[in-house]
């Protein structure tokens, strides 16, 4: 409903954490005045009627339901400092 789709020739699932963060980035940029990409719905056609509302709905209604726990598990189980840092950053953003 926000215009997110998988480009032709890719196989990354739409429910991948990176894809969902890209959707939040896209909505934040639109809320800041960036133009919609080709084929994306108009602001009024987004959930809640604006990029800000769509961002809030996605964050509180979906991302915050699982991303904080995912970030905590990633930080606890990762042996690589990059992924521990990425997990801490994700947890701070959505927690």
PDB file of N, CA and C in Angstrom:
ATOM      1  N   UNK A   1       0.809  -1.208   0.000  1.00  0.00           N
ATOM      2  CA  UNK A   1       0.000   0.000   0.000  1.00  0.00           C
ATOM      3  C   UNK A   1       0.851   1.272   0.000  1.00  0.00           C
ATOM      4  N   UNK A   2       2.150   1.129   0.271  1.00  0.00           N
ATOM      5  CA  UNK A   2       3.057   2.282   0.248  1.00  0.00           C
ATOM      6  C   UNK A   2       3.880   2.341  -1.026  1.00  0.00           C
ATOM      7  N   UNK A   3       3.668   1.399  -1.932  1.00  0.00           N
ATOM      8  CA  UNK A   3       4.390   1.396  -3.185  1.00  0.00           C
ATOM      9  C   UNK A   3       5.665   0.578  -3.170  1.00  0.00           C
ATOM     10  N   UNK A   4       5.895  -0.187  -2.111  1.00  0.00           N
ATOM     11  CA  UNK A   4       7.083  -1.027  -2.036  1.00  0.00           C
ATOM     12  C   UNK A   4       6.894  -2.246  -2.917  1.00  0.00           C
ATOM     13  N   UNK A   5       7.868  -2.525  -3.709  1.00  0.00           N
ATOM     14  CA  UNK A   5       7.816  -3.703  -4.559  1.00  0.00           C
ATOM     15  C   UNK A   5       9.203  -4.277  -4.736  1.00  0.00           C
ATOM     16  N   UNK A   6       9.260  -5.448  -5.290  1.00  0.00           N
ATOM     17  CA  UNK A   6      10.555  -6.099  -5.521  1.00  0.00           C
ATOM     18  C   UNK A   6      10.941  -5.866  -6.970  1.00  0.00           C
ATOM     19  N   UNK A   7      12.122  -5.267  -7.191  1.00  0.00           N
ATOM     20  CA  UNK A   7      12.554  -5.031  -8.570  1.00  0.00           C
ATOM     21  C   UNK A   7      12.706  -6.341  -9.328  1.00  0.00           C
ATOM     22  N   UNK A   8      12.465  -6.281 -10.602  1.00  0.00           N
ATOM     23  CA  UNK A   8      12.605  -7.441 -11.484  1.00  0.00           C
ATOM     24  C   UNK A   8      14.003  -8.025 -11.344  1.00  0.00           C
ATOM     25  N   UNK A   9      14.087  -9.338 -11.227  1.00  0.00           N
ATOM     26  CA  UNK A   9      15.370 -10.013 -11.170  1.00  0.00           C
ATOM     27  C   UNK A   9      15.989 -10.114  -9.792  1.00  0.00           C
ATOM     28  N   UNK A  10      15.287  -9.691  -8.748  1.00  0.00           N
ATOM     29  CA  UNK A  10      15.813  -9.818  -7.388  1.00  0.00           C
ATOM     30  C   UNK A  10      15.004 -10.864  -6.647  1.00  0.00           C
ATOM     31  N   UNK A  11      15.577 -11.379  -5.580  1.00  0.00           N
ATOM     32  CA  UNK A  11      14.851 -12.377  -4.806  1.00  0.00           C
ATOM     33  C   UNK A  11      14.820 -12.066  -3.314  1.00  0.00           C
ATOM     34  N   UNK A  12      15.213 -10.855  -2.931  1.00  0.00           N
ATOM     35  CA  UNK A  12      15.172 -10.484  -1.518  1.00  0.00           C
ATOM     36  C   UNK A  12      13.715 -10.383  -1.072  1.00  0.00           C
ATOM     37  N   UNK A  13      13.367 -11.054   0.009  1.00  0.00           N
ATOM     38  CA  UNK A  13      11.966 -11.006   0.456  1.00  0.00           C
ATOM     39  C   UNK A  13      11.586  -9.615   0.969  1.00  0.00           C
ATOM     40  N   UNK A  14      10.346  -9.255   0.765  1.00  0.00           N
ATOM     41  CA  UNK A  14       9.884  -7.940   1.212  1.00  0.00           C
ATOM     42  C   UNK A  14       9.826  -7.827   2.733  1.00  0.00           C
ATOM     43  N   UNK A  15       9.807  -8.957   3.448  1.00  0.00           N
ATOM     44  CA  UNK A  15       9.765  -8.881   4.897  1.00  0.00           C
ATOM     45  C   UNK A  15      11.155  -9.011   5.530  1.00  0.00           C
ATOM     46  N   UNK A  16      12.202  -8.792   4.747  1.00  0.00           N
ATOM     47  CA  UNK A  16      13.573  -8.773   5.261  1.00  0.00           C
ATOM     48  C   UNK A  16      13.763  -7.486   6.066  1.00  0.00           C
ATOM     49  N   UNK A  17      14.501  -7.554   7.152  1.00  0.00           N
ATOM     50  CA  UNK A  17      14.677  -6.386   8.017  1.00  0.00           C
ATOM     51  C   UNK A  17      15.248  -5.191   7.247  1.00  0.00           C
ATOM     52  N   UNK A  18      16.183  -5.438   6.330  1.00  0.00           N
ATOM     53  CA  UNK A  18      16.756  -4.336   5.561  1.00  0.00           C
ATOM     54  C   UNK A  18      15.714  -3.702   4.647  1.00  0.00           C
ATOM     55  N   UNK A  19      14.862  -4.507   4.043  1.00  0.00           N
ATOM     56  CA  UNK A  19      13.812  -3.988   3.167  1.00  0.00           C
ATOM     57  C   UNK A  19      12.823  -3.155   3.967  1.00  0.00           C
ATOM     58  N   UNK A  20      12.479  -3.624   5.153  1.00  0.00           N
ATOM     59  CA  UNK A  20      11.536  -2.873   5.980  1.00  0.00           C
ATOM     60  C   UNK A  20      12.152  -1.560   6.453  1.00  0.00           C
ATOM     61  N   UNK A  21      13.442  -1.554   6.732  1.00  0.00           N
ATOM     62  CA  UNK A  21      14.115  -0.298   7.096  1.00  0.00           C
ATOM     63  C   UNK A  21      14.162   0.647   5.898  1.00  0.00           C
ATOM     64  N   UNK A  22      14.336   0.104   4.700  1.00  0.00           N
ATOM     65  CA  UNK A  22      14.308   0.941   3.495  1.00  0.00           C
ATOM     66  C   UNK A  22      12.930   1.572   3.292  1.00  0.00           C
ATOM     67  N   UNK A  23      11.874   0.837   3.613  1.00  0.00           N
ATOM     68  CA  UNK A  23      10.533   1.410   3.518  1.00  0.00           C
ATOM     69  C   UNK A  23      10.396   2.578   4.497  1.00  0.00           C
ATOM     70  N   UNK A  24      10.867   2.403   5.727  1.00  0.00           N
ATOM     71  CA  UNK A  24      10.811   3.500   6.694  1.00  0.00           C
ATOM     72  C   UNK A  24      11.629   4.699   6.209  1.00  0.00           C
ATOM     73  N   UNK A  25      12.783   4.432   5.618  1.00  0.00           N
ATOM     74  CA  UNK A  25      13.605   5.512   5.064  1.00  0.00           C
ATOM     75  C   UNK A  25      12.843   6.237   3.953  1.00  0.00           C
ATOM     76  N   UNK A  26      12.240   5.481   3.071  1.00  0.00           N
ATOM     77  CA  UNK A  26      11.476   6.056   1.952  1.00  0.00           C
ATOM     78  C   UNK A  26      10.348   6.956   2.478  1.00  0.00           C
ATOM     79  N   UNK A  27       9.617   6.474   3.468  1.00  0.00           N
ATOM     80  CA  UNK A  27       8.517   7.277   4.021  1.00  0.00           C
ATOM     81  C   UNK A  27       9.040   8.515   4.738  1.00  0.00           C
ATOM     82  N   UNK A  28      10.166   8.391   5.440  1.00  0.00           N
ATOM     83  CA  UNK A  28      10.751   9.552   6.119  1.00  0.00           C
ATOM     84  C   UNK A  28      11.210  10.598   5.101  1.00  0.00           C
ATOM     85  N   UNK A  29      11.821  10.145   4.014  1.00  0.00           N
ATOM     86  CA  UNK A  29      12.241  11.083   2.976  1.00  0.00           C
ATOM     87  C   UNK A  29      11.044  11.788   2.345  1.00  0.00           C
ATOM     88  N   UNK A  30       9.983  11.048   2.105  1.00  0.00           N
ATOM     89  CA  UNK A  30       8.785  11.674   1.535  1.00  0.00           C
ATOM     90  C   UNK A  30       8.180  12.672   2.516  1.00  0.00           C
ATOM     91  N   UNK A  31       8.191  12.334   3.792  1.00  0.00           N
ATOM     92  CA  UNK A  31       7.677  13.268   4.804  1.00  0.00           C
ATOM     93  C   UNK A  31       8.521  14.539   4.847  1.00  0.00           C
ATOM     94  N   UNK A  32       9.815  14.418   4.518  1.00  0.00           N
ATOM     95  CA  UNK A  32      10.710  15.568   4.506  1.00  0.00           C
ATOM     96  C   UNK A  32      10.647  16.350   3.197  1.00  0.00           C
ATOM     97  N   UNK A  33       9.806  15.903   2.267  1.00  0.00           N
ATOM     98  CA  UNK A  33       9.618  16.656   1.039  1.00  0.00           C
ATOM     99  C   UNK A  33      10.225  16.053  -0.203  1.00  0.00           C
ATOM    100  N   UNK A  34      10.857  14.892  -0.098  1.00  0.00           N
ATOM    101  CA  UNK A  34      11.408  14.246  -1.290  1.00  0.00           C
ATOM    102  C   UNK A  34      10.264  13.803  -2.202  1.00  0.00           C
ATOM    103  N   UNK A  35      10.472  13.852  -3.494  1.00  0.00           N
ATOM    104  CA  UNK A  35       9.408  13.430  -4.413  1.00  0.00           C
ATOM    105  C   UNK A  35       9.188  11.928  -4.346  1.00  0.00           C
ATOM    106  N   UNK A  36       7.978  11.522  -4.643  1.00  0.00           N
ATOM    107  CA  UNK A  36       7.657  10.093  -4.710  1.00  0.00           C
ATOM    108  C   UNK A  36       8.324   9.494  -5.932  1.00  0.00           C
ATOM    109  N   UNK A  37       8.751   8.254  -5.804  1.00  0.00           N
ATOM    110  CA  UNK A  37       9.342   7.573  -6.950  1.00  0.00           C
ATOM    111  C   UNK A  37       8.250   7.226  -7.958  1.00  0.00           C
ATOM    112  N   UNK A  38       8.671   6.959  -9.175  1.00  0.00           N
ATOM    113  CA  UNK A  38       7.716   6.639 -10.242  1.00  0.00           C
ATOM    114  C   UNK A  38       6.884   5.426  -9.850  1.00  0.00           C
ATOM    115  N   UNK A  39       5.582   5.560  -9.986  1.00  0.00           N
ATOM    116  CA  UNK A  39       4.663   4.473  -9.674  1.00  0.00           C
ATOM    117  C   UNK A  39       4.231   4.404  -8.221  1.00  0.00           C
ATOM    118  N   UNK A  40       4.845   5.215  -7.351  1.00  0.00           N
ATOM    119  CA  UNK A  40       4.462   5.214  -5.932  1.00  0.00           C
ATOM    120  C   UNK A  40       3.126   5.928  -5.767  1.00  0.00           C
ATOM    121  N   UNK A  41       2.355   5.546  -4.752  1.00  0.00           N
ATOM    122  CA  UNK A  41       1.075   6.219  -4.533  1.00  0.00           C
ATOM    123  C   UNK A  41       1.270   7.676  -4.112  1.00  0.00           C
ATOM    124  N   UNK A  42       0.285   8.495  -4.416  1.00  0.00           N
ATOM    125  CA  UNK A  42       0.291   9.878  -3.940  1.00  0.00           C
ATOM    126  C   UNK A  42       0.241   9.874  -2.415  1.00  0.00           C
ATOM    127  N   UNK A  43       0.679  10.980  -1.812  1.00  0.00           N
ATOM    128  CA  UNK A  43       0.681  11.081  -0.350  1.00  0.00           C
ATOM    129  C   UNK A  43      -0.682  10.752   0.246  1.00  0.00           C
ATOM    130  N   UNK A  44      -1.734  11.275  -0.353  1.00  0.00           N
ATOM    131  CA  UNK A  44      -3.079  11.065   0.189  1.00  0.00           C
ATOM    132  C   UNK A  44      -3.523   9.610   0.098  1.00  0.00           C
ATOM    133  N   UNK A  45      -2.895   8.833  -0.780  1.00  0.00           N
ATOM    134  CA  UNK A  45      -3.262   7.427  -0.947  1.00  0.00           C
ATOM    135  C   UNK A  45      -2.451   6.482  -0.062  1.00  0.00           C
ATOM    136  N   UNK A  46      -1.505   7.032   0.690  1.00  0.00           N
ATOM    137  CA  UNK A  46      -0.737   6.211   1.628  1.00  0.00           C
ATOM    138  C   UNK A  46      -1.596   5.884   2.842  1.00  0.00           C
ATOM    139  N   UNK A  47      -1.282   4.808   3.569  1.00  0.00           N
ATOM    140  CA  UNK A  47      -2.049   4.506   4.791  1.00  0.00           C
ATOM    141  C   UNK A  47      -2.036   5.708   5.741  1.00  0.00           C
ATOM    142  N   UNK A  48      -3.186   6.131   6.159  1.00  0.00           N
ATOM    143  CA  UNK A  48      -3.310   7.290   7.029  1.00  0.00           C
ATOM    144  C   UNK A  48      -3.374   8.612   6.295  1.00  0.00           C
ATOM    145  N   UNK A  49      -3.138   8.596   4.980  1.00  0.00           N
ATOM    146  CA  UNK A  49      -3.289   9.802   4.179  1.00  0.00           C
ATOM    147  C   UNK A  49      -2.067  10.686   4.065  1.00  0.00           C
ATOM    148  N   UNK A  50      -0.914  10.267   4.586  1.00  0.00           N
ATOM    149  CA  UNK A  50       0.309  11.059   4.475  1.00  0.00           C
ATOM    150  C   UNK A  50       1.516  10.163   4.727  1.00  0.00           C
ATOM    151  N   UNK A  51       2.700  10.597   4.282  1.00  0.00           N
ATOM    152  CA  UNK A  51       3.902   9.818   4.579  1.00  0.00           C
ATOM    153  C   UNK A  51       4.159   9.696   6.086  1.00  0.00           C
ATOM    154  N   UNK A  52       3.899  10.771   6.824  1.00  0.00           N
ATOM    155  CA  UNK A  52       4.102  10.743   8.282  1.00  0.00           C
ATOM    156  C   UNK A  52       3.212   9.703   8.942  1.00  0.00           C
ATOM    157  N   UNK A  53       1.946   9.680   8.535  1.00  0.00           N
ATOM    158  CA  UNK A  53       1.005   8.718   9.114  1.00  0.00           C
ATOM    159  C   UNK A  53       1.372   7.288   8.729  1.00  0.00           C
ATOM    160  N   UNK A  54       1.772   7.085   7.475  1.00  0.00           N
ATOM    161  CA  UNK A  54       2.168   5.745   7.031  1.00  0.00           C
ATOM    162  C   UNK A  54       3.396   5.280   7.797  1.00  0.00           C
ATOM    163  N   UNK A  55       4.356   6.169   8.013  1.00  0.00           N
ATOM    164  CA  UNK A  55       5.555   5.843   8.783  1.00  0.00           C
ATOM    165  C   UNK A  55       5.168   5.429  10.199  1.00  0.00           C
ATOM    166  N   UNK A  56       4.349   6.236  10.840  1.00  0.00           N
ATOM    167  CA  UNK A  56       3.929   5.938  12.209  1.00  0.00           C
ATOM    168  C   UNK A  56       3.175   4.633  12.315  1.00  0.00           C
ATOM    169  N   UNK A  57       2.293   4.381  11.377  1.00  0.00           N
ATOM    170  CA  UNK A  57       1.530   3.126  11.392  1.00  0.00           C
ATOM    171  C   UNK A  57       2.437   1.919  11.203  1.00  0.00           C
ATOM    172  N   UNK A  58       3.372   2.025  10.261  1.00  0.00           N
ATOM    173  CA  UNK A  58       4.258   0.891  10.011  1.00  0.00           C
ATOM    174  C   UNK A  58       5.177   0.654  11.202  1.00  0.00           C
ATOM    175  N   UNK A  59       5.702   1.739  11.764  1.00  0.00           N
ATOM    176  CA  UNK A  59       6.605   1.601  12.900  1.00  0.00           C
ATOM    177  C   UNK A  59       5.891   1.018  14.109  1.00  0.00           C
ATOM    178  N   UNK A  60       4.781   1.613  14.510  1.00  0.00           N
ATOM    179  CA  UNK A  60       4.106   1.163  15.734  1.00  0.00           C
ATOM    180  C   UNK A  60       3.279  -0.100  15.526  1.00  0.00           C
ATOM    181  N   UNK A  61       2.731  -0.277  14.338  1.00  0.00           N
ATOM    182  CA  UNK A  61       1.864  -1.425  14.109  1.00  0.00           C
ATOM    183  C   UNK A  61       2.582  -2.669  13.622  1.00  0.00           C
ATOM    184  N   UNK A  62       3.835  -2.520  13.220  1.00  0.00           N
ATOM    185  CA  UNK A  62       4.543  -3.686  12.675  1.00  0.00           C
ATOM    186  C   UNK A  62       5.984  -3.768  13.192  1.00  0.00           C
ATOM    187  N   UNK A  63       6.800  -2.780  12.862  1.00  0.00           N
ATOM    188  CA  UNK A  63       8.235  -2.865  13.156  1.00  0.00           C
ATOM    189  C   UNK A  63       8.521  -2.988  14.655  1.00  0.00           C
ATOM    190  N   UNK A  64       7.845  -2.212  15.470  1.00  0.00           N
ATOM    191  CA  UNK A  64       8.112  -2.273  16.910  1.00  0.00           C
ATOM    192  C   UNK A  64       7.613  -3.565  17.547  1.00  0.00           C
ATOM    193  N   UNK A  65       6.810  -4.312  16.823  1.00  0.00           N
ATOM    194  CA  UNK A  65       6.324  -5.585  17.352  1.00  0.00           C
ATOM    195  C   UNK A  65       7.406  -6.659  17.334  1.00  0.00           C
ATOM    196  N   UNK A  66       8.384  -6.545  16.443  1.00  0.00           N
ATOM    197  CA  UNK A  66       9.388  -7.596  16.363  1.00  0.00           C
ATOM    198  C   UNK A  66      10.834  -7.125  16.242  1.00  0.00           C
ATOM    199  N   UNK A  67      11.067  -5.909  15.740  1.00  0.00           N
ATOM    200  CA  UNK A  67      12.449  -5.473  15.531  1.00  0.00           C
ATOM    201  C   UNK A  67      13.262  -5.313  16.815  1.00  0.00           C
ATOM    202  N   UNK A  68      12.713  -4.789  17.906  1.00  0.00           N
ATOM    203  CA  UNK A  68      13.536  -4.684  19.122  1.00  0.00           C
ATOM    204  C   UNK A  68      14.038  -6.047  19.616  1.00  0.00           C
ATOM    205  N   UNK A  69      13.177  -7.056  19.615  1.00  0.00           N
ATOM    206  CA  UNK A  69      13.603  -8.390  20.044  1.00  0.00           C
ATOM    207  C   UNK A  69      14.607  -8.981  19.057  1.00  0.00           C
ATOM    208  N   UNK A  70      14.394  -8.761  17.773  1.00  0.00           N
ATOM    209  CA  UNK A  70      15.337  -9.224  16.757  1.00  0.00           C
ATOM    210  C   UNK A  70      16.708  -8.589  16.986  1.00  0.00           C
ATOM    211  N   UNK A  71      16.724  -7.279  17.222  1.00  0.00           N
ATOM    212  CA  UNK A  71      17.982  -6.574  17.449  1.00  0.00           C
ATOM    213  C   UNK A  71      18.690  -7.099  18.693  1.00  0.00           C
ATOM    214  N   UNK A  72      17.949  -7.345  19.745  1.00  0.00           N
ATOM    215  CA  UNK A  72      18.551  -7.858  20.981  1.00  0.00           C
ATOM    216  C   UNK A  72      19.151  -9.251  20.758  1.00  0.00           C
ATOM    217  N   UNK A  73      18.425 -10.110  20.047  1.00  0.00           N
ATOM    218  CA  UNK A  73      18.953 -11.453  19.764  1.00  0.00           C
ATOM    219  C   UNK A  73      20.176 -11.390  18.862  1.00  0.00           C
ATOM    220  N   UNK A  74      20.139 -10.518  17.864  1.00  0.00           N
ATOM    221  CA  UNK A  74      21.281 -10.367  16.965  1.00  0.00           C
ATOM    222  C   UNK A  74      22.509  -9.895  17.737  1.00  0.00           C
ATOM    223  N   UNK A  75      22.329  -8.914  18.596  1.00  0.00           N
ATOM    224  CA  UNK A  75      23.455  -8.403  19.392  1.00  0.00           C
ATOM    225  C   UNK A  75      24.018  -9.477  20.308  1.00  0.00           C
ATOM    226  N   UNK A  76      23.154 -10.272  20.890  1.00  0.00           N
ATOM    227  CA  UNK A  76      23.597 -11.306  21.824  1.00  0.00           C
ATOM    228  C   UNK A  76      24.290 -12.473  21.127  1.00  0.00           C
ATOM    229  N   UNK A  77      23.872 -12.791  19.925  1.00  0.00           N
ATOM    230  CA  UNK A  77      24.380 -13.988  19.251  1.00  0.00           C
ATOM    231  C   UNK A  77      25.485 -13.713  18.236  1.00  0.00           C
ATOM    232  N   UNK A  78      25.675 -12.465  17.857  1.00  0.00           N
ATOM    233  CA  UNK A  78      26.671 -12.157  16.834  1.00  0.00           C
ATOM    234  C   UNK A  78      28.078 -12.171  17.413  1.00  0.00           C
ATOM    235  N   UNK A  79      28.989 -12.749  16.645  1.00  0.00           N
ATOM    236  CA  UNK A  79      30.392 -12.749  17.041  1.00  0.00           C
ATOM    237  C   UNK A  79      31.165 -11.633  16.348  1.00  0.00           C
ATOM    238  N   UNK A  80      30.549 -10.989  15.400  1.00  0.00           N
ATOM    239  CA  UNK A  80      31.226  -9.951  14.630  1.00  0.00           C
ATOM    240  C   UNK A  80      30.825  -8.576  15.144  1.00  0.00           C
ATOM    241  N   UNK A  81      31.782  -7.693  15.420  1.00  0.00           N
ATOM    242  CA  UNK A  81      31.453  -6.362  15.963  1.00  0.00           C
ATOM    243  C   UNK A  81      30.525  -5.542  15.080  1.00  0.00           C
ATOM    244  N   UNK A  82      30.645  -5.679  13.751  1.00  0.00           N
ATOM    245  CA  UNK A  82      29.777  -4.915  12.858  1.00  0.00           C
ATOM    246  C   UNK A  82      28.311  -5.231  13.125  1.00  0.00           C
ATOM    247  N   UNK A  83      27.983  -6.514  13.236  1.00  0.00           N
ATOM    248  CA  UNK A  83      26.588  -6.899  13.428  1.00  0.00           C
ATOM    249  C   UNK A  83      26.092  -6.562  14.828  1.00  0.00           C
ATOM    250  N   UNK A  84      26.968  -6.605  15.815  1.00  0.00           N
ATOM    251  CA  UNK A  84      26.564  -6.161  17.160  1.00  0.00           C
ATOM    252  C   UNK A  84      26.242  -4.666  17.133  1.00  0.00           C
ATOM    253  N   UNK A  85      27.069  -3.896  16.431  1.00  0.00           N
ATOM    254  CA  UNK A  85      26.826  -2.448  16.326  1.00  0.00           C
ATOM    255  C   UNK A  85      25.561  -2.165  15.526  1.00  0.00           C
ATOM    256  N   UNK A  86      25.366  -2.885  14.422  1.00  0.00           N
ATOM    257  CA  UNK A  86      24.152  -2.696  13.619  1.00  0.00           C
ATOM    258  C   UNK A  86      22.909  -3.035  14.440  1.00  0.00           C
ATOM    259  N   UNK A  87      23.005  -4.078  15.239  1.00  0.00           N
ATOM    260  CA  UNK A  87      21.876  -4.468  16.098  1.00  0.00           C
ATOM    261  C   UNK A  87      21.597  -3.391  17.133  1.00  0.00           C
ATOM    262  N   UNK A  88      22.626  -2.833  17.734  1.00  0.00           N
ATOM    263  CA  UNK A  88      22.437  -1.765  18.722  1.00  0.00           C
ATOM    264  C   UNK A  88      21.784  -0.550  18.072  1.00  0.00           C
ATOM    265  N   UNK A  89      22.223  -0.226  16.863  1.00  0.00           N
ATOM    266  CA  UNK A  89      21.645   0.907  16.133  1.00  0.00           C
ATOM    267  C   UNK A  89      20.177   0.660  15.810  1.00  0.00           C
ATOM    268  N   UNK A  90      19.873  -0.526  15.300  1.00  0.00           N
ATOM    269  CA  UNK A  90      18.478  -0.870  14.993  1.00  0.00           C
ATOM    270  C   UNK A  90      17.628  -0.806  16.249  1.00  0.00           C
ATOM    271  N   UNK A  91      18.124  -1.368  17.350  1.00  0.00           N
ATOM    272  CA  UNK A  91      17.369  -1.352  18.603  1.00  0.00           C
ATOM    273  C   UNK A  91      17.094   0.060  19.081  1.00  0.00           C
ATOM    274  N   UNK A  92      18.073   0.951  18.922  1.00  0.00           N
ATOM    275  CA  UNK A  92      17.876   2.345  19.326  1.00  0.00           C
ATOM    276  C   UNK A  92      16.855   3.054  18.449  1.00  0.00           C
ATOM    277  N   UNK A  93      16.835   2.705  17.163  1.00  0.00           N
ATOM    278  CA  UNK A  93      15.900   3.352  16.249  1.00  0.00           C
ATOM    279  C   UNK A  93      14.452   2.940  16.493  1.00  0.00           C
ATOM    280  N   UNK A  94      14.225   1.689  16.806  1.00  0.00           N
ATOM    281  CA  UNK A  94      12.855   1.194  16.888  1.00  0.00           C
ATOM    282  C   UNK A  94      12.404   0.892  18.305  1.00  0.00           C
ATOM    283  N   UNK A  95      13.314   0.920  19.249  1.00  0.00           N
ATOM    284  CA  UNK A  95      12.994   0.542  20.624  1.00  0.00           C
ATOM    285  C   UNK A  95      12.306   1.564  21.418  1.00  0.00           C
TER     286      UNK A  95
END
